[in-house]
Every structure is written in C-alpha cells, then in structure tokens.
Amino acid sequence: MKKTVMIKKNYEFQYFFKRGSYFSGKYLEIYVHDNNSNVNRLGIIVSKKVGKSVIRNKIKRLIRESYSKLEDCIDNKNILISWKKSANVDDASYYNVLYDLKYILKKARIVE
C-alpha cells in the first residue's frame, strides 16, 4: 500500500483546480495533476448542497474506500475527487462509487 497525503489547504485546492485535467463520470468529477514527489495527494470535496453532514461524511467515506482499492495503480498524482451536486445521493453505494471512480481513472489513462 502506497502512502497518500490528504490535501487540506484551500490554496492547494485552488492550485489543482486551475492546473489539473478535468474528467467526469456519473457521480464523480476528478481533477488530475502530476507531481514530482513519491507520494500521491488526494483531496475530497462534497458540497453542502448535497445534504447534511451525515450524508456528506458517508459519501467521503465511500470515496476514500474506493480510492484505497485503486491506490496501488496510481503513481505520483495529485487527485481532487468531487461529488456531483446533481448526482442522486440515494444511489451512493460502495460499488457504484468504485465503478465510477475506476471508469474515470481509465478515461484519464491512470489505471489500465
């Protein structure tokens, strides 16, 4: 298992929004940017418009768990994962999020 550092600072999020390549799926949007270090950096964004804190935290847990399943295939990337505001929260299951994340990373040519 590789080391992944969480992105927490606002200026880091803004930097990767501007510099990253954008890819979209049914539930998730990601911004991917190369980095020069030996670790991956991950940021997760769920808007308050999605729902209350219990729902937002559930979605973040699902995204983190899906990412950890695919983490070994990702090398030296900064990744921002954002839940789409238009996506239905009732459809948020582990398998739906994992499938969507895998689909987007294949589209971005990060995972085979």
PDB file of N, CA and C in Angstrom:
ATOM      1  N   MET A   1       0.842  -1.182   0.000  1.00  0.00           N
ATOM      2  CA  MET A   1       0.000   0.000   0.000  1.00  0.00           C
ATOM      3  C   MET A   1       0.881   1.237   0.000  1.00  0.00           C
ATOM      4  N   LYS A   2       0.577   2.152  -0.884  1.00  0.00           N
ATOM      5  CA  LYS A   2       1.370   3.367  -1.005  1.00  0.00           C
ATOM      6  C   LYS A   2       0.942   4.401   0.019  1.00  0.00           C
ATOM      7  N   LYS A   3       1.758   5.397   0.136  1.00  0.00           N
ATOM      8  CA  LYS A   3       1.465   6.498   1.034  1.00  0.00           C
ATOM      9  C   LYS A   3       0.686   7.562   0.277  1.00  0.00           C
ATOM     10  N   THR A   4      -0.441   7.953   0.813  1.00  0.00           N
ATOM     11  CA  THR A   4      -1.243   9.025   0.235  1.00  0.00           C
ATOM     12  C   THR A   4      -1.395  10.121   1.272  1.00  0.00           C
ATOM     13  N   VAL A   5      -1.135  11.341   0.850  1.00  0.00           N
ATOM     14  CA  VAL A   5      -1.252  12.508   1.717  1.00  0.00           C
ATOM     15  C   VAL A   5      -2.534  13.228   1.344  1.00  0.00           C
ATOM     16  N   MET A   6      -3.298  13.609   2.348  1.00  0.00           N
ATOM     17  CA  MET A   6      -4.553  14.315   2.089  1.00  0.00           C
ATOM     18  C   MET A   6      -4.275  15.796   1.846  1.00  0.00           C
ATOM     19  N   ILE A   7      -4.977  16.362   0.889  1.00  0.00           N
ATOM     20  CA  ILE A   7      -4.916  17.803   0.605  1.00  0.00           C
ATOM     21  C   ILE A   7      -5.950  18.465   1.503  1.00  0.00           C
ATOM     22  N   LYS A   8      -5.511  19.456   2.283  1.00  0.00           N
ATOM     23  CA  LYS A   8      -6.412  20.089   3.239  1.00  0.00           C
ATOM     24  C   LYS A   8      -6.470  21.612   3.108  1.00  0.00           C
ATOM     25  N   LYS A   9      -5.457  22.213   2.550  1.00  0.00           N
ATOM     26  CA  LYS A   9      -5.392  23.673   2.493  1.00  0.00           C
ATOM     27  C   LYS A   9      -6.144  24.213   1.288  1.00  0.00           C
ATOM     28  N   ASN A  10      -6.781  25.350   1.472  1.00  0.00           N
ATOM     29  CA  ASN A  10      -7.581  25.950   0.411  1.00  0.00           C
ATOM     30  C   ASN A  10      -6.726  26.338  -0.794  1.00  0.00           C
ATOM     31  N   TYR A  11      -5.531  26.868  -0.572  1.00  0.00           N
ATOM     32  CA  TYR A  11      -4.695  27.274  -1.693  1.00  0.00           C
ATOM     33  C   TYR A  11      -4.245  26.071  -2.519  1.00  0.00           C
ATOM     34  N   GLU A  12      -4.100  24.903  -1.881  1.00  0.00           N
ATOM     35  CA  GLU A  12      -3.758  23.698  -2.635  1.00  0.00           C
ATOM     36  C   GLU A  12      -4.926  23.271  -3.531  1.00  0.00           C
ATOM     37  N   PHE A  13      -6.137  23.327  -2.989  1.00  0.00           N
ATOM     38  CA  PHE A  13      -7.308  23.005  -3.793  1.00  0.00           C
ATOM     39  C   PHE A  13      -7.421  23.943  -4.994  1.00  0.00           C
ATOM     40  N   GLN A  14      -7.250  25.235  -4.757  1.00  0.00           N
ATOM     41  CA  GLN A  14      -7.355  26.211  -5.841  1.00  0.00           C
ATOM     42  C   GLN A  14      -6.289  25.989  -6.914  1.00  0.00           C
ATOM     43  N   TYR A  15      -5.081  25.665  -6.492  1.00  0.00           N
ATOM     44  CA  TYR A  15      -3.988  25.417  -7.427  1.00  0.00           C
ATOM     45  C   TYR A  15      -4.312  24.235  -8.338  1.00  0.00           C
ATOM     46  N   PHE A  16      -4.820  23.150  -7.754  1.00  0.00           N
ATOM     47  CA  PHE A  16      -5.094  21.959  -8.550  1.00  0.00           C
ATOM     48  C   PHE A  16      -6.359  22.111  -9.396  1.00  0.00           C
ATOM     49  N   PHE A  17      -7.295  22.954  -8.956  1.00  0.00           N
ATOM     50  CA  PHE A  17      -8.446  23.257  -9.805  1.00  0.00           C
ATOM     51  C   PHE A  17      -7.994  23.947 -11.085  1.00  0.00           C
ATOM     52  N   LYS A  18      -7.057  24.861 -10.951  1.00  0.00           N
ATOM     53  CA  LYS A  18      -6.583  25.619 -12.122  1.00  0.00           C
ATOM     54  C   LYS A  18      -5.674  24.794 -13.015  1.00  0.00           C
ATOM     55  N   ARG A  19      -4.809  23.975 -12.433  1.00  0.00           N
ATOM     56  CA  ARG A  19      -3.783  23.271 -13.193  1.00  0.00           C
ATOM     57  C   ARG A  19      -4.179  21.857 -13.608  1.00  0.00           C
ATOM     58  N   GLY A  20      -5.164  21.264 -12.955  1.00  0.00           N
ATOM     59  CA  GLY A  20      -5.479  19.863 -13.190  1.00  0.00           C
ATOM     60  C   GLY A  20      -6.313  19.618 -14.434  1.00  0.00           C
ATOM     61  N   SER A  21      -6.236  18.412 -14.947  1.00  0.00           N
ATOM     62  CA  SER A  21      -7.067  17.979 -16.063  1.00  0.00           C
ATOM     63  C   SER A  21      -8.386  17.468 -15.491  1.00  0.00           C
ATOM     64  N   TYR A  22      -9.486  17.823 -16.140  1.00  0.00           N
ATOM     65  CA  TYR A  22     -10.821  17.523 -15.632  1.00  0.00           C
ATOM     66  C   TYR A  22     -11.393  16.297 -16.332  1.00  0.00           C
ATOM     67  N   PHE A  23     -11.975  15.382 -15.534  1.00  0.00           N
ATOM     68  CA  PHE A  23     -12.670  14.209 -16.059  1.00  0.00           C
ATOM     69  C   PHE A  23     -13.939  14.017 -15.235  1.00  0.00           C
ATOM     70  N   SER A  24     -14.987  13.520 -15.896  1.00  0.00           N
ATOM     71  CA  SER A  24     -16.271  13.419 -15.229  1.00  0.00           C
ATOM     72  C   SER A  24     -16.904  12.060 -15.469  1.00  0.00           C
ATOM     73  N   GLY A  25     -17.686  11.617 -14.488  1.00  0.00           N
ATOM     74  CA  GLY A  25     -18.437  10.380 -14.586  1.00  0.00           C
ATOM     75  C   GLY A  25     -19.875  10.631 -14.162  1.00  0.00           C
ATOM     76  N   LYS A  26     -20.564   9.568 -13.773  1.00  0.00           N
ATOM     77  CA  LYS A  26     -21.965   9.698 -13.389  1.00  0.00           C
ATOM     78  C   LYS A  26     -22.118  10.366 -12.026  1.00  0.00           C
ATOM     79  N   TYR A  27     -21.266  10.003 -11.064  1.00  0.00           N
ATOM     80  CA  TYR A  27     -21.364  10.533  -9.709  1.00  0.00           C
ATOM     81  C   TYR A  27     -20.221  11.464  -9.337  1.00  0.00           C
ATOM     82  N   LEU A  28     -19.055  11.267  -9.951  1.00  0.00           N
ATOM     83  CA  LEU A  28     -17.852  11.956  -9.517  1.00  0.00           C
ATOM     84  C   LEU A  28     -17.258  12.816 -10.619  1.00  0.00           C
ATOM     85  N   GLU A  29     -16.519  13.830 -10.192  1.00  0.00           N
ATOM     86  CA  GLU A  29     -15.683  14.647 -11.073  1.00  0.00           C
ATOM     87  C   GLU A  29     -14.289  14.608 -10.469  1.00  0.00           C
ATOM     88  N   ILE A  30     -13.268  14.477 -11.317  1.00  0.00           N
ATOM     89  CA  ILE A  30     -11.919  14.490 -10.772  1.00  0.00           C
ATOM     90  C   ILE A  30     -11.049  15.480 -11.532  1.00  0.00           C
ATOM     91  N   TYR A  31     -10.077  16.006 -10.820  1.00  0.00           N
ATOM     92  CA  TYR A  31      -9.035  16.849 -11.380  1.00  0.00           C
ATOM     93  C   TYR A  31      -7.716  16.139 -11.095  1.00  0.00           C
ATOM     94  N   VAL A  32      -6.942  15.867 -12.145  1.00  0.00           N
ATOM     95  CA  VAL A  32      -5.694  15.118 -12.014  1.00  0.00           C
ATOM     96  C   VAL A  32      -4.537  16.014 -12.421  1.00  0.00           C
ATOM     97  N   HIS A  33      -3.473  15.982 -11.619  1.00  0.00           N
ATOM     98  CA  HIS A  33      -2.288  16.785 -11.872  1.00  0.00           C
ATOM     99  C   HIS A  33      -1.075  15.955 -11.467  1.00  0.00           C
ATOM    100  N   ASP A  34      -0.030  15.958 -12.272  1.00  0.00           N
ATOM    101  CA  ASP A  34       1.197  15.231 -11.931  1.00  0.00           C
ATOM    102  C   ASP A  34       1.945  15.962 -10.824  1.00  0.00           C
ATOM    103  N   ASN A  35       2.652  15.186  -9.984  1.00  0.00           N
ATOM    104  CA  ASN A  35       3.528  15.809  -9.001  1.00  0.00           C
ATOM    105  C   ASN A  35       4.905  15.158  -9.071  1.00  0.00           C
ATOM    106  N   ASN A  36       5.872  15.759  -8.443  1.00  0.00           N
ATOM    107  CA  ASN A  36       7.253  15.303  -8.525  1.00  0.00           C
ATOM    108  C   ASN A  36       7.696  14.514  -7.299  1.00  0.00           C
ATOM    109  N   SER A  37       6.808  14.275  -6.372  1.00  0.00           N
ATOM    110  CA  SER A  37       7.183  13.543  -5.175  1.00  0.00           C
ATOM    111  C   SER A  37       6.835  12.062  -5.331  1.00  0.00           C
ATOM    112  N   ASN A  38       7.190  11.275  -4.348  1.00  0.00           N
ATOM    113  CA  ASN A  38       6.941   9.837  -4.397  1.00  0.00           C
ATOM    114  C   ASN A  38       5.609   9.440  -3.779  1.00  0.00           C
ATOM    115  N   VAL A  39       4.799  10.404  -3.408  1.00  0.00           N
ATOM    116  CA  VAL A  39       3.509  10.110  -2.780  1.00  0.00           C
ATOM    117  C   VAL A  39       2.374  10.665  -3.632  1.00  0.00           C
ATOM    118  N   ASN A  40       1.224  10.045  -3.489  1.00  0.00           N
ATOM    119  CA  ASN A  40       0.013  10.576  -4.100  1.00  0.00           C
ATOM    120  C   ASN A  40      -0.618  11.561  -3.135  1.00  0.00           C
ATOM    121  N   ARG A  41      -1.308  12.554  -3.679  1.00  0.00           N
ATOM    122  CA  ARG A  41      -2.030  13.515  -2.846  1.00  0.00           C
ATOM    123  C   ARG A  41      -3.487  13.464  -3.250  1.00  0.00           C
ATOM    124  N   LEU A  42      -4.370  13.392  -2.267  1.00  0.00           N
ATOM    125  CA  LEU A  42      -5.790  13.218  -2.507  1.00  0.00           C
ATOM    126  C   LEU A  42      -6.583  14.280  -1.781  1.00  0.00           C
ATOM    127  N   GLY A  43      -7.524  14.881  -2.490  1.00  0.00           N
ATOM    128  CA  GLY A  43      -8.465  15.816  -1.901  1.00  0.00           C
ATOM    129  C   GLY A  43      -9.872  15.374  -2.242  1.00  0.00           C
ATOM    130  N   ILE A  44     -10.769  15.435  -1.270  1.00  0.00           N
ATOM    131  CA  ILE A  44     -12.153  15.031  -1.477  1.00  0.00           C
ATOM    132  C   ILE A  44     -13.050  16.219  -1.189  1.00  0.00           C
ATOM    133  N   ILE A  45     -13.971  16.488  -2.119  1.00  0.00           N
ATOM    134  CA  ILE A  45     -14.854  17.633  -2.000  1.00  0.00           C
ATOM    135  C   ILE A  45     -16.300  17.167  -2.116  1.00  0.00           C
ATOM    136  N   VAL A  46     -17.100  17.502  -1.100  1.00  0.00           N
ATOM    137  CA  VAL A  46     -18.535  17.245  -1.146  1.00  0.00           C
ATOM    138  C   VAL A  46     -19.212  18.533  -0.694  1.00  0.00           C
ATOM    139  N   SER A  47     -20.018  19.106  -1.551  1.00  0.00           N
ATOM    140  CA  SER A  47     -20.650  20.391  -1.279  1.00  0.00           C
ATOM    141  C   SER A  47     -21.745  20.268  -0.219  1.00  0.00           C
ATOM    142  N   LYS A  48     -22.004  21.365   0.468  1.00  0.00           N
ATOM    143  CA  LYS A  48     -23.083  21.397   1.448  1.00  0.00           C
ATOM    144  C   LYS A  48     -24.448  21.264   0.790  1.00  0.00           C
ATOM    145  N   LYS A  49     -24.519  21.539  -0.495  1.00  0.00           N
ATOM    146  CA  LYS A  49     -25.785  21.425  -1.218  1.00  0.00           C
ATOM    147  C   LYS A  49     -26.202  19.970  -1.418  1.00  0.00           C
ATOM    148  N   VAL A  50     -25.279  19.046  -1.202  1.00  0.00           N
ATOM    149  CA  VAL A  50     -25.577  17.618  -1.360  1.00  0.00           C
ATOM    150  C   VAL A  50     -26.478  17.138  -0.232  1.00  0.00           C
ATOM    151  N   GLY A  51     -26.219  17.599   0.971  1.00  0.00           N
ATOM    152  CA  GLY A  51     -27.029  17.168   2.110  1.00  0.00           C
ATOM    153  C   GLY A  51     -26.389  17.567   3.414  1.00  0.00           C
ATOM    154  N   LYS A  52     -26.952  17.046   4.478  1.00  0.00           N
ATOM    155  CA  LYS A  52     -26.439  17.354   5.801  1.00  0.00           C
ATOM    156  C   LYS A  52     -25.126  16.610   6.050  1.00  0.00           C
ATOM    157  N   SER A  53     -24.497  16.872   7.186  1.00  0.00           N
ATOM    158  CA  SER A  53     -23.145  16.372   7.452  1.00  0.00           C
ATOM    159  C   SER A  53     -23.072  14.850   7.465  1.00  0.00           C
ATOM    160  N   VAL A  54     -24.120  14.184   7.915  1.00  0.00           N
ATOM    161  CA  VAL A  54     -24.102  12.723   7.956  1.00  0.00           C
ATOM    162  C   VAL A  54     -23.980  12.159   6.535  1.00  0.00           C
ATOM    163  N   ILE A  55     -24.722  12.727   5.622  1.00  0.00           N
ATOM    164  CA  ILE A  55     -24.703  12.274   4.226  1.00  0.00           C
ATOM    165  C   ILE A  55     -23.368  12.620   3.575  1.00  0.00           C
ATOM    166  N   ARG A  56     -22.867  13.838   3.811  1.00  0.00           N
ATOM    167  CA  ARG A  56     -21.586  14.235   3.229  1.00  0.00           C
ATOM    168  C   ARG A  56     -20.447  13.346   3.727  1.00  0.00           C
ATOM    169  N   ASN A  57     -20.435  13.039   5.014  1.00  0.00           N
ATOM    170  CA  ASN A  57     -19.386  12.183   5.563  1.00  0.00           C
ATOM    171  C   ASN A  57     -19.497  10.756   5.042  1.00  0.00           C
ATOM    172  N   LYS A  58     -20.707  10.265   4.835  1.00  0.00           N
ATOM    173  CA  LYS A  58     -20.889   8.936   4.249  1.00  0.00           C
ATOM    174  C   LYS A  58     -20.283   8.887   2.849  1.00  0.00           C
ATOM    175  N   ILE A  59     -20.540   9.920   2.064  1.00  0.00           N
ATOM    176  CA  ILE A  59     -20.005   9.966   0.704  1.00  0.00           C
ATOM    177  C   ILE A  59     -18.480  10.038   0.727  1.00  0.00           C
ATOM    178  N   LYS A  60     -17.919  10.828   1.641  1.00  0.00           N
ATOM    179  CA  LYS A  60     -16.458  10.913   1.760  1.00  0.00           C
ATOM    180  C   LYS A  60     -15.858   9.562   2.132  1.00  0.00           C
ATOM    181  N   ARG A  61     -16.502   8.845   3.031  1.00  0.00           N
ATOM    182  CA  ARG A  61     -16.005   7.512   3.408  1.00  0.00           C
ATOM    183  C   ARG A  61     -16.039   6.558   2.222  1.00  0.00           C
ATOM    184  N   LEU A  62     -17.114   6.617   1.442  1.00  0.00           N
ATOM    185  CA  LEU A  62     -17.214   5.758   0.265  1.00  0.00           C
ATOM    186  C   LEU A  62     -16.122   6.079  -0.752  1.00  0.00           C
ATOM    187  N   ILE A  63     -15.861   7.367  -0.950  1.00  0.00           N
ATOM    188  CA  ILE A  63     -14.816   7.773  -1.904  1.00  0.00           C
ATOM    189  C   ILE A  63     -13.441   7.338  -1.413  1.00  0.00           C
ATOM    190  N   ARG A  64     -13.150   7.535  -0.120  1.00  0.00           N
ATOM    191  CA  ARG A  64     -11.849   7.121   0.427  1.00  0.00           C
ATOM    192  C   ARG A  64     -11.644   5.619   0.307  1.00  0.00           C
ATOM    193  N   GLU A  65     -12.681   4.843   0.586  1.00  0.00           N
ATOM    194  CA  GLU A  65     -12.560   3.391   0.499  1.00  0.00           C
ATOM    195  C   GLU A  65     -12.370   2.945  -0.948  1.00  0.00           C
ATOM    196  N   SER A  66     -13.073   3.566  -1.876  1.00  0.00           N
ATOM    197  CA  SER A  66     -12.911   3.235  -3.295  1.00  0.00           C
ATOM    198  C   SER A  66     -11.521   3.600  -3.779  1.00  0.00           C
ATOM    199  N   TYR A  67     -11.022   4.740  -3.333  1.00  0.00           N
ATOM    200  CA  TYR A  67      -9.674   5.160  -3.715  1.00  0.00           C
ATOM    201  C   TYR A  67      -8.629   4.191  -3.171  1.00  0.00           C
ATOM    202  N   SER A  68      -8.801   3.737  -1.937  1.00  0.00           N
ATOM    203  CA  SER A  68      -7.807   2.838  -1.346  1.00  0.00           C
ATOM    204  C   SER A  68      -7.745   1.509  -2.095  1.00  0.00           C
ATOM    205  N   LYS A  69      -8.845   1.103  -2.705  1.00  0.00           N
ATOM    206  CA  LYS A  69      -8.857  -0.121  -3.509  1.00  0.00           C
ATOM    207  C   LYS A  69      -8.018   0.043  -4.778  1.00  0.00           C
ATOM    208  N   LEU A  70      -7.981   1.252  -5.340  1.00  0.00           N
ATOM    209  CA  LEU A  70      -7.274   1.524  -6.588  1.00  0.00           C
ATOM    210  C   LEU A  70      -5.928   2.210  -6.382  1.00  0.00           C
ATOM    211  N   GLU A  71      -5.546   2.436  -5.152  1.00  0.00           N
ATOM    212  CA  GLU A  71      -4.373   3.244  -4.820  1.00  0.00           C
ATOM    213  C   GLU A  71      -3.065   2.675  -5.371  1.00  0.00           C
ATOM    214  N   ASP A  72      -2.935   1.367  -5.415  1.00  0.00           N
ATOM    215  CA  ASP A  72      -1.684   0.754  -5.863  1.00  0.00           C
ATOM    216  C   ASP A  72      -1.397   0.998  -7.337  1.00  0.00           C
ATOM    217  N   CYS A  73      -2.416   1.301  -8.115  1.00  0.00           N
ATOM    218  CA  CYS A  73      -2.247   1.509  -9.565  1.00  0.00           C
ATOM    219  C   CYS A  73      -1.895   2.950  -9.916  1.00  0.00           C
ATOM    220  N   ILE A  74      -1.950   3.852  -8.950  1.00  0.00           N
ATOM    221  CA  ILE A  74      -1.767   5.279  -9.215  1.00  0.00           C
ATOM    222  C   ILE A  74      -0.368   5.688  -8.776  1.00  0.00           C
ATOM    223  N   ASP A  75       0.369   6.363  -9.672  1.00  0.00           N
ATOM    224  CA  ASP A  75       1.738   6.771  -9.384  1.00  0.00           C
ATOM    225  C   ASP A  75       1.909   8.280  -9.472  1.00  0.00           C
ATOM    226  N   ASN A  76       2.326   8.904  -8.379  1.00  0.00           N
ATOM    227  CA  ASN A  76       2.751  10.306  -8.334  1.00  0.00           C
ATOM    228  C   ASN A  76       1.735  11.262  -8.955  1.00  0.00           C
ATOM    229  N   LYS A  77       0.534  11.265  -8.427  1.00  0.00           N
ATOM    230  CA  LYS A  77      -0.524  12.133  -8.932  1.00  0.00           C
ATOM    231  C   LYS A  77      -1.132  12.927  -7.784  1.00  0.00           C
ATOM    232  N   ASN A  78      -1.617  14.120  -8.140  1.00  0.00           N
ATOM    233  CA  ASN A  78      -2.475  14.888  -7.253  1.00  0.00           C
ATOM    234  C   ASN A  78      -3.884  14.714  -7.794  1.00  0.00           C
ATOM    235  N   ILE A  79      -4.791  14.249  -6.962  1.00  0.00           N
ATOM    236  CA  ILE A  79      -6.143  13.959  -7.418  1.00  0.00           C
ATOM    237  C   ILE A  79      -7.140  14.655  -6.508  1.00  0.00           C
ATOM    238  N   LEU A  80      -8.031  15.433  -7.107  1.00  0.00           N
ATOM    239  CA  LEU A  80      -9.158  16.010  -6.399  1.00  0.00           C
ATOM    240  C   LEU A  80     -10.397  15.275  -6.871  1.00  0.00           C
ATOM    241  N   ILE A  81     -11.146  14.709  -5.948  1.00  0.00           N
ATOM    242  CA  ILE A  81     -12.369  13.998  -6.279  1.00  0.00           C
ATOM    243  C   ILE A  81     -13.534  14.785  -5.703  1.00  0.00           C
ATOM    244  N   SER A  82     -14.471  15.116  -6.567  1.00  0.00           N
ATOM    245  CA  SER A  82     -15.620  15.912  -6.172  1.00  0.00           C
ATOM    246  C   SER A  82     -16.902  15.159  -6.491  1.00  0.00           C
ATOM    247  N   TRP A  83     -17.837  15.134  -5.537  1.00  0.00           N
ATOM    248  CA  TRP A  83     -19.142  14.528  -5.758  1.00  0.00           C
ATOM    249  C   TRP A  83     -19.994  15.516  -6.539  1.00  0.00           C
ATOM    250  N   LYS A  84     -20.656  15.057  -7.586  1.00  0.00           N
ATOM    251  CA  LYS A  84     -21.504  15.936  -8.381  1.00  0.00           C
ATOM    252  C   LYS A  84     -22.736  16.331  -7.579  1.00  0.00           C
ATOM    253  N   LYS A  85     -23.078  17.611  -7.644  1.00  0.00           N
ATOM    254  CA  LYS A  85     -24.251  18.099  -6.926  1.00  0.00           C
ATOM    255  C   LYS A  85     -25.531  17.533  -7.520  1.00  0.00           C
ATOM    256  N   SER A  86     -25.493  17.237  -8.816  1.00  0.00           N
ATOM    257  CA  SER A  86     -26.689  16.739  -9.487  1.00  0.00           C
ATOM    258  C   SER A  86     -26.891  15.237  -9.295  1.00  0.00           C
ATOM    259  N   ALA A  87     -25.889  14.531  -8.752  1.00  0.00           N
ATOM    260  CA  ALA A  87     -25.984  13.081  -8.566  1.00  0.00           C
ATOM    261  C   ALA A  87     -26.921  12.761  -7.407  1.00  0.00           C
ATOM    262  N   ASN A  88     -27.668  11.691  -7.557  1.00  0.00           N
ATOM    263  CA  ASN A  88     -28.615  11.270  -6.539  1.00  0.00           C
ATOM    264  C   ASN A  88     -27.867  10.609  -5.383  1.00  0.00           C
ATOM    265  N   VAL A  89     -28.080  11.102  -4.178  1.00  0.00           N
ATOM    266  CA  VAL A  89     -27.382  10.594  -3.008  1.00  0.00           C
ATOM    267  C   VAL A  89     -27.892   9.204  -2.634  1.00  0.00           C
ATOM    268  N   ASP A  90     -29.127   8.888  -2.965  1.00  0.00           N
ATOM    269  CA  ASP A  90     -29.689   7.583  -2.639  1.00  0.00           C
ATOM    270  C   ASP A  90     -28.991   6.458  -3.399  1.00  0.00           C
ATOM    271  N   ASP A  91     -28.382   6.778  -4.544  1.00  0.00           N
ATOM    272  CA  ASP A  91     -27.655   5.783  -5.330  1.00  0.00           C
ATOM    273  C   ASP A  91     -26.220   5.603  -4.850  1.00  0.00           C
ATOM    274  N   ALA A  92     -25.826   6.324  -3.826  1.00  0.00           N
ATOM    275  CA  ALA A  92     -24.441   6.274  -3.353  1.00  0.00           C
ATOM    276  C   ALA A  92     -24.193   4.970  -2.602  1.00  0.00           C
ATOM    277  N   SER A  93     -23.644   4.009  -3.295  1.00  0.00           N
ATOM    278  CA  SER A  93     -23.225   2.761  -2.664  1.00  0.00           C
ATOM    279  C   SER A  93     -21.752   2.557  -2.989  1.00  0.00           C
ATOM    280  N   TYR A  94     -21.123   1.667  -2.259  1.00  0.00           N
ATOM    281  CA  TYR A  94     -19.696   1.421  -2.456  1.00  0.00           C
ATOM    282  C   TYR A  94     -19.415   0.984  -3.891  1.00  0.00           C
ATOM    283  N   TYR A  95     -20.222   0.083  -4.416  1.00  0.00           N
ATOM    284  CA  TYR A  95     -19.959  -0.459  -5.746  1.00  0.00           C
ATOM    285  C   TYR A  95     -20.196   0.581  -6.845  1.00  0.00           C
ATOM    286  N   ASN A  96     -21.199   1.437  -6.677  1.00  0.00           N
ATOM    287  CA  ASN A  96     -21.434   2.491  -7.663  1.00  0.00           C
ATOM    288  C   ASN A  96     -20.277   3.493  -7.686  1.00  0.00           C
ATOM    289  N   VAL A  97     -19.813   3.871  -6.504  1.00  0.00           N
ATOM    290  CA  VAL A  97     -18.712   4.834  -6.419  1.00  0.00           C
ATOM    291  C   VAL A  97     -17.418   4.211  -6.939  1.00  0.00           C
ATOM    292  N   LEU A  98     -17.151   2.955  -6.588  1.00  0.00           N
ATOM    293  CA  LEU A  98     -15.949   2.265  -7.059  1.00  0.00           C
ATOM    294  C   LEU A  98     -15.970   2.129  -8.578  1.00  0.00           C
ATOM    295  N   TYR A  99     -17.097   1.734  -9.140  1.00  0.00           N
ATOM    296  CA  TYR A  99     -17.207   1.578 -10.582  1.00  0.00           C
ATOM    297  C   TYR A  99     -17.005   2.914 -11.291  1.00  0.00           C
ATOM    298  N   ASP A 100     -17.608   3.972 -10.758  1.00  0.00           N
ATOM    299  CA  ASP A 100     -17.491   5.293 -11.382  1.00  0.00           C
ATOM    300  C   ASP A 100     -16.060   5.816 -11.290  1.00  0.00           C
ATOM    301  N   LEU A 101     -15.412   5.634 -10.146  1.00  0.00           N
ATOM    302  CA  LEU A 101     -14.025   6.088  -9.990  1.00  0.00           C
ATOM    303  C   LEU A 101     -13.098   5.318 -10.918  1.00  0.00           C
ATOM    304  N   LYS A 102     -13.302   4.009 -11.020  1.00  0.00           N
ATOM    305  CA  LYS A 102     -12.485   3.192 -11.916  1.00  0.00           C
ATOM    306  C   LYS A 102     -12.688   3.617 -13.376  1.00  0.00           C
ATOM    307  N   TYR A 103     -13.939   3.907 -13.743  1.00  0.00           N
ATOM    308  CA  TYR A 103     -14.256   4.360 -15.100  1.00  0.00           C
ATOM    309  C   TYR A 103     -13.545   5.682 -15.415  1.00  0.00           C
ATOM    310  N   ILE A 104     -13.574   6.619 -14.479  1.00  0.00           N
ATOM    311  CA  ILE A 104     -12.955   7.930 -14.704  1.00  0.00           C
ATOM    312  C   ILE A 104     -11.439   7.804 -14.777  1.00  0.00           C
ATOM    313  N   LEU A 105     -10.845   6.992 -13.909  1.00  0.00           N
ATOM    314  CA  LEU A 105      -9.389   6.835 -13.937  1.00  0.00           C
ATOM    315  C   LEU A 105      -8.919   6.127 -15.210  1.00  0.00           C
ATOM    316  N   LYS A 106      -9.750   5.234 -15.748  1.00  0.00           N
ATOM    317  CA  LYS A 106      -9.417   4.626 -17.043  1.00  0.00           C
ATOM    318  C   LYS A 106      -9.506   5.661 -18.152  1.00  0.00           C
ATOM    319  N   LYS A 107     -10.513   6.527 -18.069  1.00  0.00           N
ATOM    320  CA  LYS A 107     -10.677   7.577 -19.061  1.00  0.00           C
ATOM    321  C   LYS A 107      -9.504   8.562 -19.013  1.00  0.00           C
ATOM    322  N   ALA A 108      -8.966   8.784 -17.817  1.00  0.00           N
ATOM    323  CA  ALA A 108      -7.826   9.672 -17.640  1.00  0.00           C
ATOM    324  C   ALA A 108      -6.494   8.982 -17.928  1.00  0.00           C
ATOM    325  N   ARG A 109      -6.550   7.683 -18.247  1.00  0.00           N
ATOM    326  CA  ARG A 109      -5.363   6.870 -18.554  1.00  0.00           C
ATOM    327  C   ARG A 109      -4.395   6.780 -17.369  1.00  0.00           C
ATOM    328  N   ILE A 110      -4.959   6.665 -16.181  1.00  0.00           N
ATOM    329  CA  ILE A 110      -4.158   6.490 -14.987  1.00  0.00           C
ATOM    330  C   ILE A 110      -4.147   5.015 -14.591  1.00  0.00           C
ATOM    331  N   VAL A 111      -5.286   4.364 -14.724  1.00  0.00           N
ATOM    332  CA  VAL A 111      -5.440   2.951 -14.404  1.00  0.00           C
ATOM    333  C   VAL A 111      -5.750   2.207 -15.691  1.00  0.00           C
ATOM    334  N   GLU A 112      -5.183   1.005 -15.832  1.00  0.00           N
ATOM    335  CA  GLU A 112      -5.442   0.229 -17.042  1.00  0.00           C
ATOM    336  C   GLU A 112      -6.776  -0.480 -16.971  1.00  0.00           C
TER     337      GLU A 112
END
